Structure formats: C-alpha cells, structure tokens
Amino acid sequence: MERSSLWQNLIDHYNKEIKHLHLRELLQDEKRNAALKIELPNLLYDFSHEKLTEKTIQHFQDLVKNSNLWDKIEAMFSGVKG
C-alpha cells in the first residue's frame, strides 16, 4: 500500500473515530489502559492518557512498516549520511 494512502487511513480514522471522543471515555476501558502501558526496569511508559485506540496504533504500525523506519534508524546510527 502506498504511504500516502496509509497516511490518509490514519487521518480518516482520527476524523471518524478519535476526534470526537473524550479522553474520559477512553480511560474507562481498563483493558485499553493496561495495553497502553509499557513497563521496563525502572521505567514506565504510559500512553493511556493519549487519545489512542488499538486501531490507531495499528495505523501507526502500518506507516512505520511501509516507511522502512527501522532501516533508516539503523543507517543513522551506523553513520550513513542522507
């Protein structure tokens, strides 16, 4: 799938499903809240207070996979320019 269509999918998802949601509604879902917390030794990432759903994250993951982001990050840390 083309990257621009993946961006459009994310924008459409936001406009149709996220934009009008209140964070208060999302915070009532304990399963969602637990899924949006990442716990590492001495570190906790808590994304539960963001207007995200599992579907939102799936759209972001699709974008990352399609953009070869991990390859670009690896190249950056390897000293590759441009």
N, C-alpha and C. Protein backbone atom coordinates (compact mmCIF):
# COMPACT_ATOMS: atom_id res chain seq x y z
N MET A 1 0.85 -1.19 0.00
CA MET A 1 0.00 0.00 0.00
C MET A 1 0.89 1.24 0.00
N GLU A 2 0.50 2.22 -0.74
CA GLU A 2 1.27 3.45 -0.84
C GLU A 2 1.23 4.23 0.48
N ARG A 3 2.36 4.86 0.81
CA ARG A 3 2.47 5.59 2.08
C ARG A 3 1.41 6.68 2.20
N SER A 4 1.13 7.40 1.12
CA SER A 4 0.14 8.48 1.20
C SER A 4 -1.25 7.93 1.53
N SER A 5 -1.57 6.73 1.04
CA SER A 5 -2.88 6.15 1.39
C SER A 5 -2.89 5.69 2.84
N LEU A 6 -1.74 5.27 3.37
CA LEU A 6 -1.66 4.90 4.78
C LEU A 6 -1.85 6.12 5.67
N TRP A 7 -1.25 7.25 5.26
CA TRP A 7 -1.47 8.49 5.99
C TRP A 7 -2.94 8.87 5.96
N GLN A 8 -3.56 8.72 4.78
CA GLN A 8 -4.97 9.07 4.65
C GLN A 8 -5.83 8.17 5.52
N ASN A 9 -5.47 6.90 5.63
CA ASN A 9 -6.20 5.98 6.51
C ASN A 9 -6.13 6.46 7.96
N LEU A 10 -4.95 6.91 8.38
CA LEU A 10 -4.79 7.42 9.73
C LEU A 10 -5.62 8.69 9.94
N ILE A 11 -5.57 9.58 8.99
CA ILE A 11 -6.36 10.82 9.08
C ILE A 11 -7.85 10.52 9.13
N ASP A 12 -8.30 9.62 8.27
CA ASP A 12 -9.72 9.25 8.27
C ASP A 12 -10.13 8.62 9.59
N HIS A 13 -9.28 7.75 10.10
CA HIS A 13 -9.54 7.10 11.40
C HIS A 13 -9.69 8.17 12.49
N TYR A 14 -8.76 9.12 12.51
CA TYR A 14 -8.83 10.18 13.51
C TYR A 14 -10.14 10.96 13.38
N ASN A 15 -10.45 11.39 12.17
CA ASN A 15 -11.64 12.22 11.97
C ASN A 15 -12.94 11.49 12.28
N LYS A 16 -12.99 10.20 11.98
CA LYS A 16 -14.23 9.44 12.18
C LYS A 16 -14.36 8.85 13.58
N GLU A 17 -13.23 8.43 14.18
CA GLU A 17 -13.32 7.64 15.41
C GLU A 17 -12.68 8.27 16.65
N ILE A 18 -11.74 9.17 16.47
CA ILE A 18 -10.99 9.68 17.62
C ILE A 18 -11.32 11.12 17.95
N LYS A 19 -11.41 11.94 16.95
CA LYS A 19 -11.56 13.39 17.12
C LYS A 19 -12.66 13.77 18.12
N HIS A 20 -13.78 13.10 18.07
CA HIS A 20 -14.92 13.48 18.89
C HIS A 20 -15.00 12.72 20.22
N LEU A 21 -14.07 11.81 20.42
CA LEU A 21 -14.03 11.07 21.69
C LEU A 21 -13.47 11.96 22.79
N HIS A 22 -13.95 11.76 23.96
CA HIS A 22 -13.38 12.45 25.11
C HIS A 22 -12.45 11.47 25.81
N LEU A 23 -11.32 11.95 26.26
CA LEU A 23 -10.35 11.08 26.94
C LEU A 23 -10.99 10.36 28.12
N ARG A 24 -11.93 11.00 28.76
CA ARG A 24 -12.63 10.39 29.90
C ARG A 24 -13.27 9.06 29.50
N GLU A 25 -13.82 9.01 28.28
CA GLU A 25 -14.43 7.76 27.79
C GLU A 25 -13.37 6.67 27.62
N LEU A 26 -12.25 7.05 27.03
CA LEU A 26 -11.19 6.07 26.79
C LEU A 26 -10.60 5.53 28.09
N LEU A 27 -10.48 6.38 29.09
CA LEU A 27 -9.88 5.97 30.36
C LEU A 27 -10.76 5.00 31.14
N GLN A 28 -12.00 4.84 30.76
CA GLN A 28 -12.88 3.89 31.44
C GLN A 28 -12.62 2.45 31.02
N ASP A 29 -11.86 2.27 29.96
CA ASP A 29 -11.57 0.93 29.44
C ASP A 29 -10.26 0.42 30.05
N GLU A 30 -10.37 -0.41 31.08
CA GLU A 30 -9.18 -0.90 31.79
C GLU A 30 -8.28 -1.74 30.89
N LYS A 31 -8.86 -2.52 29.99
CA LYS A 31 -8.07 -3.35 29.08
C LYS A 31 -7.21 -2.45 28.17
N ARG A 32 -7.81 -1.38 27.65
CA ARG A 32 -7.09 -0.42 26.81
C ARG A 32 -5.96 0.22 27.60
N ASN A 33 -6.27 0.66 28.83
CA ASN A 33 -5.27 1.33 29.66
C ASN A 33 -4.08 0.42 29.93
N ALA A 34 -4.35 -0.84 30.24
CA ALA A 34 -3.26 -1.79 30.50
C ALA A 34 -2.42 -2.03 29.25
N ALA A 35 -3.08 -2.10 28.10
CA ALA A 35 -2.37 -2.36 26.84
C ALA A 35 -1.48 -1.19 26.43
N LEU A 36 -1.79 0.00 26.92
CA LEU A 36 -1.03 1.19 26.54
C LEU A 36 0.06 1.56 27.56
N LYS A 37 0.39 0.61 28.42
CA LYS A 37 1.48 0.82 29.38
C LYS A 37 2.60 -0.17 29.08
N ILE A 38 3.80 0.34 29.03
CA ILE A 38 4.98 -0.49 28.79
C ILE A 38 5.88 -0.31 30.00
N GLU A 39 6.14 -1.41 30.68
CA GLU A 39 6.95 -1.33 31.89
C GLU A 39 8.29 -2.02 31.67
N LEU A 40 9.34 -1.27 31.92
CA LEU A 40 10.72 -1.77 31.84
C LEU A 40 11.34 -1.57 33.21
N PRO A 41 12.48 -2.19 33.49
CA PRO A 41 13.12 -1.95 34.77
C PRO A 41 13.36 -0.45 35.00
N ASN A 42 12.84 0.06 36.07
CA ASN A 42 13.00 1.47 36.46
C ASN A 42 12.40 2.48 35.48
N LEU A 43 11.47 2.02 34.62
CA LEU A 43 10.90 2.93 33.63
C LEU A 43 9.48 2.48 33.26
N LEU A 44 8.57 3.43 33.20
CA LEU A 44 7.19 3.13 32.81
C LEU A 44 6.77 4.14 31.75
N TYR A 45 6.39 3.61 30.59
CA TYR A 45 5.79 4.44 29.54
C TYR A 45 4.29 4.24 29.65
N ASP A 46 3.55 5.31 29.84
CA ASP A 46 2.11 5.22 29.99
C ASP A 46 1.45 6.10 28.94
N PHE A 47 0.92 5.46 27.92
CA PHE A 47 0.26 6.18 26.83
C PHE A 47 -1.26 6.18 26.99
N SER A 48 -1.75 5.73 28.14
CA SER A 48 -3.19 5.61 28.33
C SER A 48 -3.90 6.96 28.37
N HIS A 49 -3.16 8.03 28.65
CA HIS A 49 -3.77 9.35 28.70
C HIS A 49 -3.66 10.09 27.36
N GLU A 50 -3.45 9.34 26.32
CA GLU A 50 -3.44 9.88 24.96
C GLU A 50 -4.70 9.39 24.24
N LYS A 51 -5.16 10.16 23.28
CA LYS A 51 -6.35 9.77 22.53
C LYS A 51 -5.95 8.75 21.47
N LEU A 52 -5.73 7.51 21.93
CA LEU A 52 -5.31 6.40 21.08
C LEU A 52 -6.20 5.21 21.33
N THR A 53 -6.38 4.41 20.31
CA THR A 53 -7.03 3.10 20.45
C THR A 53 -6.10 2.07 19.81
N GLU A 54 -6.44 0.82 19.95
CA GLU A 54 -5.63 -0.22 19.30
C GLU A 54 -5.61 -0.02 17.79
N LYS A 55 -6.72 0.44 17.25
CA LYS A 55 -6.81 0.70 15.81
C LYS A 55 -5.86 1.84 15.41
N THR A 56 -5.76 2.86 16.24
CA THR A 56 -4.84 3.98 15.97
C THR A 56 -3.41 3.46 15.91
N ILE A 57 -3.06 2.63 16.86
CA ILE A 57 -1.71 2.07 16.91
C ILE A 57 -1.45 1.21 15.68
N GLN A 58 -2.44 0.45 15.24
CA GLN A 58 -2.28 -0.37 14.04
C GLN A 58 -2.00 0.51 12.81
N HIS A 59 -2.68 1.64 12.72
CA HIS A 59 -2.43 2.56 11.61
C HIS A 59 -0.99 3.09 11.67
N PHE A 60 -0.51 3.44 12.85
CA PHE A 60 0.88 3.90 13.01
C PHE A 60 1.86 2.78 12.64
N GLN A 61 1.58 1.55 13.07
CA GLN A 61 2.46 0.44 12.75
C GLN A 61 2.53 0.21 11.24
N ASP A 62 1.40 0.33 10.57
CA ASP A 62 1.39 0.18 9.11
C ASP A 62 2.28 1.24 8.45
N LEU A 63 2.20 2.47 8.95
CA LEU A 63 3.05 3.54 8.42
C LEU A 63 4.53 3.25 8.64
N VAL A 64 4.87 2.81 9.83
CA VAL A 64 6.28 2.51 10.16
C VAL A 64 6.80 1.39 9.27
N LYS A 65 6.03 0.33 9.11
CA LYS A 65 6.47 -0.79 8.27
C LYS A 65 6.68 -0.34 6.83
N ASN A 66 5.77 0.47 6.33
CA ASN A 66 5.84 0.91 4.94
C ASN A 66 6.95 1.91 4.69
N SER A 67 7.35 2.65 5.71
CA SER A 67 8.36 3.70 5.52
C SER A 67 9.79 3.20 5.74
N ASN A 68 9.95 1.94 6.09
CA ASN A 68 11.29 1.38 6.38
C ASN A 68 12.00 2.16 7.47
N LEU A 69 11.25 2.60 8.46
CA LEU A 69 11.79 3.42 9.53
C LEU A 69 12.96 2.74 10.25
N TRP A 70 12.82 1.46 10.54
CA TRP A 70 13.88 0.77 11.29
C TRP A 70 15.18 0.74 10.50
N ASP A 71 15.08 0.56 9.18
CA ASP A 71 16.29 0.60 8.34
C ASP A 71 16.94 1.98 8.39
N LYS A 72 16.12 3.02 8.39
CA LYS A 72 16.63 4.38 8.43
C LYS A 72 17.28 4.69 9.78
N ILE A 73 16.70 4.19 10.85
CA ILE A 73 17.28 4.38 12.18
C ILE A 73 18.62 3.66 12.27
N GLU A 74 18.66 2.43 11.77
CA GLU A 74 19.92 1.66 11.79
C GLU A 74 21.00 2.37 10.97
N ALA A 75 20.62 2.90 9.82
CA ALA A 75 21.58 3.61 8.96
C ALA A 75 22.10 4.85 9.67
N MET A 76 21.22 5.56 10.36
CA MET A 76 21.62 6.78 11.08
C MET A 76 22.66 6.44 12.15
N PHE A 77 22.40 5.36 12.92
CA PHE A 77 23.33 5.00 13.98
C PHE A 77 24.62 4.37 13.42
N SER A 78 24.59 3.95 12.17
CA SER A 78 25.79 3.40 11.53
C SER A 78 26.63 4.48 10.86
N GLY A 79 26.13 5.72 10.90
CA GLY A 79 26.89 6.83 10.34
C GLY A 79 26.59 7.12 8.89
N VAL A 80 25.58 6.47 8.32
CA VAL A 80 25.22 6.72 6.91
C VAL A 80 24.62 8.12 6.82
N LYS A 81 25.09 8.90 5.86
CA LYS A 81 24.58 10.26 5.68
C LYS A 81 23.50 10.27 4.62
N GLY A 82 22.52 11.17 4.84
CA GLY A 82 21.49 11.45 3.85
C GLY A 82 20.53 10.38 3.71
